[in-house]
């Protein structure tokens, strides 16, 4: 038996696009890097072999994925962090 899970991330991409157009999270010390759905994060952590409880490793996984061009549609702020 093969089970395929699918998740619609179009809302997160729309939210990021609207926030970018409105200029939300673009200034100040705290920046809105992007929007990320829970199932996408779970997939990234599983792919990297990182546990949810390992917060430092999870932060690195998210940073690496968000900075890659492959997931730029989730980004609001285009700077590096």
PDB file of N, CA and C in Angstrom:
ATOM      1  N   UNK A   1       0.846  -1.157   0.000  1.00  0.00           N
ATOM      2  CA  UNK A   1       0.000   0.000   0.000  1.00  0.00           C
ATOM      3  C   UNK A   1       0.904   1.236   0.000  1.00  0.00           C
ATOM      4  N   UNK A   2       0.600   2.162  -0.859  1.00  0.00           N
ATOM      5  CA  UNK A   2       1.334   3.422  -0.943  1.00  0.00           C
ATOM      6  C   UNK A   2       0.362   4.546  -0.622  1.00  0.00           C
ATOM      7  N   UNK A   3       0.736   5.351   0.350  1.00  0.00           N
ATOM      8  CA  UNK A   3      -0.116   6.478   0.747  1.00  0.00           C
ATOM      9  C   UNK A   3       0.593   7.764   0.359  1.00  0.00           C
ATOM     10  N   UNK A   4      -0.107   8.590  -0.372  1.00  0.00           N
ATOM     11  CA  UNK A   4       0.429   9.892  -0.769  1.00  0.00           C
ATOM     12  C   UNK A   4      -0.360  10.969  -0.039  1.00  0.00           C
ATOM     13  N   UNK A   5       0.364  11.838   0.629  1.00  0.00           N
ATOM     14  CA  UNK A   5      -0.289  12.967   1.284  1.00  0.00           C
ATOM     15  C   UNK A   5      -0.084  14.205   0.426  1.00  0.00           C
ATOM     16  N   UNK A   6      -1.124  14.949   0.281  1.00  0.00           N
ATOM     17  CA  UNK A   6      -1.046  16.188  -0.489  1.00  0.00           C
ATOM     18  C   UNK A   6      -1.544  17.326   0.385  1.00  0.00           C
ATOM     19  N   UNK A   7      -0.921  18.455   0.205  1.00  0.00           N
ATOM     20  CA  UNK A   7      -1.330  19.634   0.967  1.00  0.00           C
ATOM     21  C   UNK A   7      -1.306  20.834   0.041  1.00  0.00           C
ATOM     22  N   UNK A   8      -2.344  21.615   0.094  1.00  0.00           N
ATOM     23  CA  UNK A   8      -2.446  22.795  -0.757  1.00  0.00           C
ATOM     24  C   UNK A   8      -1.748  23.969  -0.071  1.00  0.00           C
ATOM     25  N   UNK A   9      -0.639  24.409  -0.639  1.00  0.00           N
ATOM     26  CA  UNK A   9       0.127  25.518  -0.068  1.00  0.00           C
ATOM     27  C   UNK A   9      -0.149  26.835  -0.792  1.00  0.00           C
ATOM     28  N   UNK A  10      -1.143  26.832  -1.644  1.00  0.00           N
ATOM     29  CA  UNK A  10      -1.422  28.044  -2.423  1.00  0.00           C
ATOM     30  C   UNK A  10      -1.816  29.221  -1.535  1.00  0.00           C
ATOM     31  N   UNK A  11      -2.492  28.953  -0.399  1.00  0.00           N
ATOM     32  CA  UNK A  11      -2.883  30.050   0.484  1.00  0.00           C
ATOM     33  C   UNK A  11      -1.657  30.707   1.115  1.00  0.00           C
ATOM     34  N   UNK A  12      -0.679  29.929   1.515  1.00  0.00           N
ATOM     35  CA  UNK A  12       0.549  30.485   2.089  1.00  0.00           C
ATOM     36  C   UNK A  12       1.277  31.330   1.051  1.00  0.00           C
ATOM     37  N   UNK A  13       1.290  30.884  -0.196  1.00  0.00           N
ATOM     38  CA  UNK A  13       1.940  31.657  -1.255  1.00  0.00           C
ATOM     39  C   UNK A  13       1.175  32.953  -1.533  1.00  0.00           C
ATOM     40  N   UNK A  14      -0.169  32.898  -1.490  1.00  0.00           N
ATOM     41  CA  UNK A  14      -0.978  34.109  -1.679  1.00  0.00           C
ATOM     42  C   UNK A  14      -0.751  35.090  -0.531  1.00  0.00           C
ATOM     43  N   UNK A  15      -0.693  34.561   0.694  1.00  0.00           N
ATOM     44  CA  UNK A  15      -0.455  35.414   1.862  1.00  0.00           C
ATOM     45  C   UNK A  15       0.900  36.113   1.757  1.00  0.00           C
ATOM     46  N   UNK A  16       1.914  35.378   1.340  1.00  0.00           N
ATOM     47  CA  UNK A  16       3.246  35.965   1.186  1.00  0.00           C
ATOM     48  C   UNK A  16       3.241  37.035   0.108  1.00  0.00           C
ATOM     49  N   UNK A  17       2.556  36.778  -0.984  1.00  0.00           N
ATOM     50  CA  UNK A  17       2.473  37.753  -2.075  1.00  0.00           C
ATOM     51  C   UNK A  17       1.764  39.032  -1.629  1.00  0.00           C
ATOM     52  N   UNK A  18       0.657  38.872  -0.883  1.00  0.00           N
ATOM     53  CA  UNK A  18      -0.086  40.047  -0.408  1.00  0.00           C
ATOM     54  C   UNK A  18       0.719  40.835   0.615  1.00  0.00           C
ATOM     55  N   UNK A  19       1.408  40.151   1.512  1.00  0.00           N
ATOM     56  CA  UNK A  19       2.225  40.832   2.517  1.00  0.00           C
ATOM     57  C   UNK A  19       3.372  41.578   1.851  1.00  0.00           C
ATOM     58  N   UNK A  20       3.954  40.971   0.826  1.00  0.00           N
ATOM     59  CA  UNK A  20       5.051  41.616   0.103  1.00  0.00           C
ATOM     60  C   UNK A  20       4.547  42.873  -0.614  1.00  0.00           C
ATOM     61  N   UNK A  21       3.385  42.782  -1.230  1.00  0.00           N
ATOM     62  CA  UNK A  21       2.818  43.924  -1.945  1.00  0.00           C
ATOM     63  C   UNK A  21       2.450  45.063  -0.991  1.00  0.00           C
ATOM     64  N   UNK A  22       2.028  44.704   0.225  1.00  0.00           N
ATOM     65  CA  UNK A  22       1.635  45.709   1.208  1.00  0.00           C
ATOM     66  C   UNK A  22       2.829  46.247   1.992  1.00  0.00           C
ATOM     67  N   UNK A  23       3.982  45.622   1.843  1.00  0.00           N
ATOM     68  CA  UNK A  23       5.169  46.079   2.553  1.00  0.00           C
ATOM     69  C   UNK A  23       5.211  45.660   4.009  1.00  0.00           C
ATOM     70  N   UNK A  24       4.446  44.657   4.366  1.00  0.00           N
ATOM     71  CA  UNK A  24       4.391  44.186   5.753  1.00  0.00           C
ATOM     72  C   UNK A  24       5.672  43.431   6.096  1.00  0.00           C
ATOM     73  N   UNK A  25       6.240  43.747   7.236  1.00  0.00           N
ATOM     74  CA  UNK A  25       7.418  43.036   7.729  1.00  0.00           C
ATOM     75  C   UNK A  25       8.710  43.379   7.013  1.00  0.00           C
ATOM     76  N   UNK A  26       8.755  44.505   6.322  1.00  0.00           N
ATOM     77  CA  UNK A  26       9.937  44.863   5.544  1.00  0.00           C
ATOM     78  C   UNK A  26      10.890  45.801   6.272  1.00  0.00           C
ATOM     79  N   UNK A  27      10.480  46.320   7.429  1.00  0.00           N
ATOM     80  CA  UNK A  27      11.343  47.279   8.117  1.00  0.00           C
ATOM     81  C   UNK A  27      11.434  46.945   9.597  1.00  0.00           C
ATOM     82  N   UNK A  28      12.347  47.603  10.270  1.00  0.00           N
ATOM     83  CA  UNK A  28      12.538  47.381  11.692  1.00  0.00           C
ATOM     84  C   UNK A  28      13.538  46.269  11.970  1.00  0.00           C
ATOM     85  N   UNK A  29      13.703  45.962  13.238  1.00  0.00           N
ATOM     86  CA  UNK A  29      14.643  44.921  13.645  1.00  0.00           C
ATOM     87  C   UNK A  29      14.118  43.519  13.367  1.00  0.00           C
ATOM     88  N   UNK A  30      12.814  43.330  13.459  1.00  0.00           N
ATOM     89  CA  UNK A  30      12.204  42.027  13.209  1.00  0.00           C
ATOM     90  C   UNK A  30      11.580  42.020  11.820  1.00  0.00           C
ATOM     91  N   UNK A  31      11.988  41.077  11.007  1.00  0.00           N
ATOM     92  CA  UNK A  31      11.490  40.985   9.626  1.00  0.00           C
ATOM     93  C   UNK A  31      10.612  39.753   9.471  1.00  0.00           C
ATOM     94  N   UNK A  32       9.603  39.883   8.634  1.00  0.00           N
ATOM     95  CA  UNK A  32       8.761  38.750   8.281  1.00  0.00           C
ATOM     96  C   UNK A  32       9.421  38.068   7.089  1.00  0.00           C
ATOM     97  N   UNK A  33      10.059  36.950   7.345  1.00  0.00           N
ATOM     98  CA  UNK A  33      10.791  36.251   6.288  1.00  0.00           C
ATOM     99  C   UNK A  33       9.818  35.586   5.336  1.00  0.00           C
ATOM    100  N   UNK A  34       8.776  34.964   5.857  1.00  0.00           N
ATOM    101  CA  UNK A  34       7.834  34.300   4.978  1.00  0.00           C
ATOM    102  C   UNK A  34       6.760  33.559   5.742  1.00  0.00           C
ATOM    103  N   UNK A  35       5.907  32.892   4.983  1.00  0.00           N
ATOM    104  CA  UNK A  35       4.829  32.085   5.530  1.00  0.00           C
ATOM    105  C   UNK A  35       5.141  30.622   5.244  1.00  0.00           C
ATOM    106  N   UNK A  36       4.894  29.775   6.230  1.00  0.00           N
ATOM    107  CA  UNK A  36       5.200  28.361   6.084  1.00  0.00           C
ATOM    108  C   UNK A  36       4.094  27.539   6.734  1.00  0.00           C
ATOM    109  N   UNK A  37       3.557  26.599   5.987  1.00  0.00           N
ATOM    110  CA  UNK A  37       2.518  25.706   6.487  1.00  0.00           C
ATOM    111  C   UNK A  37       3.149  24.589   7.320  1.00  0.00           C
ATOM    112  N   UNK A  38       2.446  24.110   8.309  1.00  0.00           N
ATOM    113  CA  UNK A  38       2.920  23.046   9.182  1.00  0.00           C
ATOM    114  C   UNK A  38       3.314  21.769   8.448  1.00  0.00           C
ATOM    115  N   UNK A  39       2.477  21.282   7.524  1.00  0.00           N
ATOM    116  CA  UNK A  39       2.854  20.060   6.802  1.00  0.00           C
ATOM    117  C   UNK A  39       4.128  20.211   5.971  1.00  0.00           C
ATOM    118  N   UNK A  40       4.383  21.409   5.460  1.00  0.00           N
ATOM    119  CA  UNK A  40       5.614  21.647   4.703  1.00  0.00           C
ATOM    120  C   UNK A  40       6.809  21.566   5.649  1.00  0.00           C
ATOM    121  N   UNK A  41       6.698  22.194   6.811  1.00  0.00           N
ATOM    122  CA  UNK A  41       7.755  22.138   7.810  1.00  0.00           C
ATOM    123  C   UNK A  41       8.009  20.697   8.245  1.00  0.00           C
ATOM    124  N   UNK A  42       6.935  19.947   8.478  1.00  0.00           N
ATOM    125  CA  UNK A  42       7.079  18.544   8.878  1.00  0.00           C
ATOM    126  C   UNK A  42       7.823  17.755   7.810  1.00  0.00           C
ATOM    127  N   UNK A  43       7.511  18.015   6.566  1.00  0.00           N
ATOM    128  CA  UNK A  43       8.185  17.337   5.458  1.00  0.00           C
ATOM    129  C   UNK A  43       9.663  17.690   5.413  1.00  0.00           C
ATOM    130  N   UNK A  44       9.989  18.973   5.596  1.00  0.00           N
ATOM    131  CA  UNK A  44      11.381  19.423   5.578  1.00  0.00           C
ATOM    132  C   UNK A  44      12.175  18.776   6.713  1.00  0.00           C
ATOM    133  N   UNK A  45      11.580  18.736   7.905  1.00  0.00           N
ATOM    134  CA  UNK A  45      12.273  18.152   9.049  1.00  0.00           C
ATOM    135  C   UNK A  45      12.478  16.655   8.868  1.00  0.00           C
ATOM    136  N   UNK A  46      11.467  15.990   8.337  1.00  0.00           N
ATOM    137  CA  UNK A  46      11.589  14.547   8.093  1.00  0.00           C
ATOM    138  C   UNK A  46      12.669  14.267   7.054  1.00  0.00           C
ATOM    139  N   UNK A  47      12.682  15.070   5.995  1.00  0.00           N
ATOM    140  CA  UNK A  47      13.682  14.925   4.930  1.00  0.00           C
ATOM    141  C   UNK A  47      15.102  15.113   5.471  1.00  0.00           C
ATOM    142  N   UNK A  48      15.263  16.058   6.404  1.00  0.00           N
ATOM    143  CA  UNK A  48      16.576  16.346   6.974  1.00  0.00           C
ATOM    144  C   UNK A  48      16.923  15.421   8.140  1.00  0.00           C
ATOM    145  N   UNK A  49      15.958  14.614   8.592  1.00  0.00           N
ATOM    146  CA  UNK A  49      16.200  13.724   9.720  1.00  0.00           C
ATOM    147  C   UNK A  49      16.298  14.456  11.038  1.00  0.00           C
ATOM    148  N   UNK A  50      15.557  15.549  11.155  1.00  0.00           N
ATOM    149  CA  UNK A  50      15.601  16.389  12.357  1.00  0.00           C
ATOM    150  C   UNK A  50      14.299  16.218  13.132  1.00  0.00           C
ATOM    151  N   UNK A  51      14.423  16.116  14.447  1.00  0.00           N
ATOM    152  CA  UNK A  51      13.267  15.980  15.322  1.00  0.00           C
ATOM    153  C   UNK A  51      12.636  17.348  15.576  1.00  0.00           C
ATOM    154  N   UNK A  52      11.321  17.346  15.820  1.00  0.00           N
ATOM    155  CA  UNK A  52      10.621  18.590  16.152  1.00  0.00           C
ATOM    156  C   UNK A  52      11.189  19.198  17.431  1.00  0.00           C
ATOM    157  N   UNK A  53      11.660  18.377  18.334  1.00  0.00           N
ATOM    158  CA  UNK A  53      12.146  18.882  19.623  1.00  0.00           C
ATOM    159  C   UNK A  53      13.534  19.517  19.522  1.00  0.00           C
ATOM    160  N   UNK A  54      14.246  19.258  18.450  1.00  0.00           N
ATOM    161  CA  UNK A  54      15.575  19.850  18.253  1.00  0.00           C
ATOM    162  C   UNK A  54      15.400  21.211  17.567  1.00  0.00           C
ATOM    163  N   UNK A  55      15.100  22.232  18.366  1.00  0.00           N
ATOM    164  CA  UNK A  55      14.728  23.533  17.804  1.00  0.00           C
ATOM    165  C   UNK A  55      15.867  24.206  17.034  1.00  0.00           C
ATOM    166  N   UNK A  56      17.083  24.076  17.513  1.00  0.00           N
ATOM    167  CA  UNK A  56      18.208  24.726  16.813  1.00  0.00           C
ATOM    168  C   UNK A  56      18.416  24.112  15.429  1.00  0.00           C
ATOM    169  N   UNK A  57      18.356  22.789  15.347  1.00  0.00           N
ATOM    170  CA  UNK A  57      18.512  22.122  14.053  1.00  0.00           C
ATOM    171  C   UNK A  57      17.328  22.450  13.140  1.00  0.00           C
ATOM    172  N   UNK A  58      16.125  22.535  13.721  1.00  0.00           N
ATOM    173  CA  UNK A  58      14.937  22.874  12.934  1.00  0.00           C
ATOM    174  C   UNK A  58      15.062  24.285  12.367  1.00  0.00           C
ATOM    175  N   UNK A  59      15.590  25.218  13.160  1.00  0.00           N
ATOM    176  CA  UNK A  59      15.797  26.588  12.674  1.00  0.00           C
ATOM    177  C   UNK A  59      16.754  26.603  11.486  1.00  0.00           C
ATOM    178  N   UNK A  60      17.796  25.800  11.561  1.00  0.00           N
ATOM    179  CA  UNK A  60      18.771  25.731  10.464  1.00  0.00           C
ATOM    180  C   UNK A  60      18.146  25.149   9.202  1.00  0.00           C
ATOM    181  N   UNK A  61      17.301  24.136   9.370  1.00  0.00           N
ATOM    182  CA  UNK A  61      16.621  23.532   8.215  1.00  0.00           C
ATOM    183  C   UNK A  61      15.718  24.568   7.548  1.00  0.00           C
ATOM    184  N   UNK A  62      14.937  25.283   8.357  1.00  0.00           N
ATOM    185  CA  UNK A  62      14.034  26.307   7.812  1.00  0.00           C
ATOM    186  C   UNK A  62      14.832  27.405   7.130  1.00  0.00           C
ATOM    187  N   UNK A  63      15.902  27.848   7.758  1.00  0.00           N
ATOM    188  CA  UNK A  63      16.727  28.911   7.173  1.00  0.00           C
ATOM    189  C   UNK A  63      17.296  28.477   5.823  1.00  0.00           C
ATOM    190  N   UNK A  64      17.842  27.270   5.769  1.00  0.00           N
ATOM    191  CA  UNK A  64      18.438  26.765   4.535  1.00  0.00           C
ATOM    192  C   UNK A  64      17.392  26.651   3.422  1.00  0.00           C
ATOM    193  N   UNK A  65      16.224  26.133   3.755  1.00  0.00           N
ATOM    194  CA  UNK A  65      15.173  25.956   2.750  1.00  0.00           C
ATOM    195  C   UNK A  65      14.602  27.303   2.297  1.00  0.00           C
ATOM    196  N   UNK A  66      14.370  28.217   3.256  1.00  0.00           N
ATOM    197  CA  UNK A  66      13.791  29.514   2.889  1.00  0.00           C
ATOM    198  C   UNK A  66      14.758  30.360   2.078  1.00  0.00           C
ATOM    199  N   UNK A  67      16.051  30.199   2.303  1.00  0.00           N
ATOM    200  CA  UNK A  67      17.039  30.969   1.555  1.00  0.00           C
ATOM    201  C   UNK A  67      17.286  30.389   0.164  1.00  0.00           C
ATOM    202  N   UNK A  68      16.871  29.151  -0.065  1.00  0.00           N
ATOM    203  CA  UNK A  68      17.061  28.557  -1.385  1.00  0.00           C
ATOM    204  C   UNK A  68      16.039  29.154  -2.357  1.00  0.00           C
ATOM    205  N   UNK A  69      16.387  29.235  -3.592  1.00  0.00           N
ATOM    206  CA  UNK A  69      15.494  29.791  -4.608  1.00  0.00           C
ATOM    207  C   UNK A  69      14.279  28.927  -4.871  1.00  0.00           C
ATOM    208  N   UNK A  70      14.359  27.668  -4.496  1.00  0.00           N
ATOM    209  CA  UNK A  70      13.279  26.725  -4.756  1.00  0.00           C
ATOM    210  C   UNK A  70      11.990  27.095  -4.027  1.00  0.00           C
ATOM    211  N   UNK A  71      12.112  27.727  -2.868  1.00  0.00           N
ATOM    212  CA  UNK A  71      10.944  28.056  -2.056  1.00  0.00           C
ATOM    213  C   UNK A  71      10.735  29.561  -1.933  1.00  0.00           C
ATOM    214  N   UNK A  72      11.146  30.312  -2.925  1.00  0.00           N
ATOM    215  CA  UNK A  72      11.055  31.771  -2.879  1.00  0.00           C
ATOM    216  C   UNK A  72       9.614  32.282  -2.858  1.00  0.00           C
ATOM    217  N   UNK A  73       8.666  31.482  -3.288  1.00  0.00           N
ATOM    218  CA  UNK A  73       7.264  31.917  -3.281  1.00  0.00           C
ATOM    219  C   UNK A  73       6.720  32.055  -1.864  1.00  0.00           C
ATOM    220  N   UNK A  74       7.348  31.411  -0.883  1.00  0.00           N
ATOM    221  CA  UNK A  74       6.940  31.537   0.512  1.00  0.00           C
ATOM    222  C   UNK A  74       7.536  32.775   1.167  1.00  0.00           C
ATOM    223  N   UNK A  75       8.513  33.404   0.528  1.00  0.00           N
ATOM    224  CA  UNK A  75       9.249  34.518   1.125  1.00  0.00           C
ATOM    225  C   UNK A  75       8.493  35.834   0.988  1.00  0.00           C
ATOM    226  N   UNK A  76       8.597  36.651   2.018  1.00  0.00           N
ATOM    227  CA  UNK A  76       8.071  38.019   1.989  1.00  0.00           C
ATOM    228  C   UNK A  76       9.250  38.978   1.896  1.00  0.00           C
ATOM    229  N   UNK A  77      10.171  38.847   2.823  1.00  0.00           N
ATOM    230  CA  UNK A  77      11.361  39.694   2.844  1.00  0.00           C
ATOM    231  C   UNK A  77      12.464  38.964   2.085  1.00  0.00           C
ATOM    232  N   UNK A  78      13.074  39.621   1.124  1.00  0.00           N
ATOM    233  CA  UNK A  78      14.054  38.982   0.251  1.00  0.00           C
ATOM    234  C   UNK A  78      15.485  39.084   0.766  1.00  0.00           C
ATOM    235  N   UNK A  79      15.706  39.710   1.904  1.00  0.00           N
ATOM    236  CA  UNK A  79      17.055  39.834   2.449  1.00  0.00           C
ATOM    237  C   UNK A  79      17.546  38.514   3.031  1.00  0.00           C
ATOM    238  N   UNK A  80      18.790  38.535   3.486  1.00  0.00           N
ATOM    239  CA  UNK A  80      19.341  37.327   4.103  1.00  0.00           C
ATOM    240  C   UNK A  80      19.362  37.503   5.614  1.00  0.00           C
ATOM    241  N   UNK A  81      19.293  36.392   6.299  1.00  0.00           N
ATOM    242  CA  UNK A  81      19.323  36.431   7.767  1.00  0.00           C
ATOM    243  C   UNK A  81      20.173  35.316   8.302  1.00  0.00           C
TER     244      UNK A  81
END
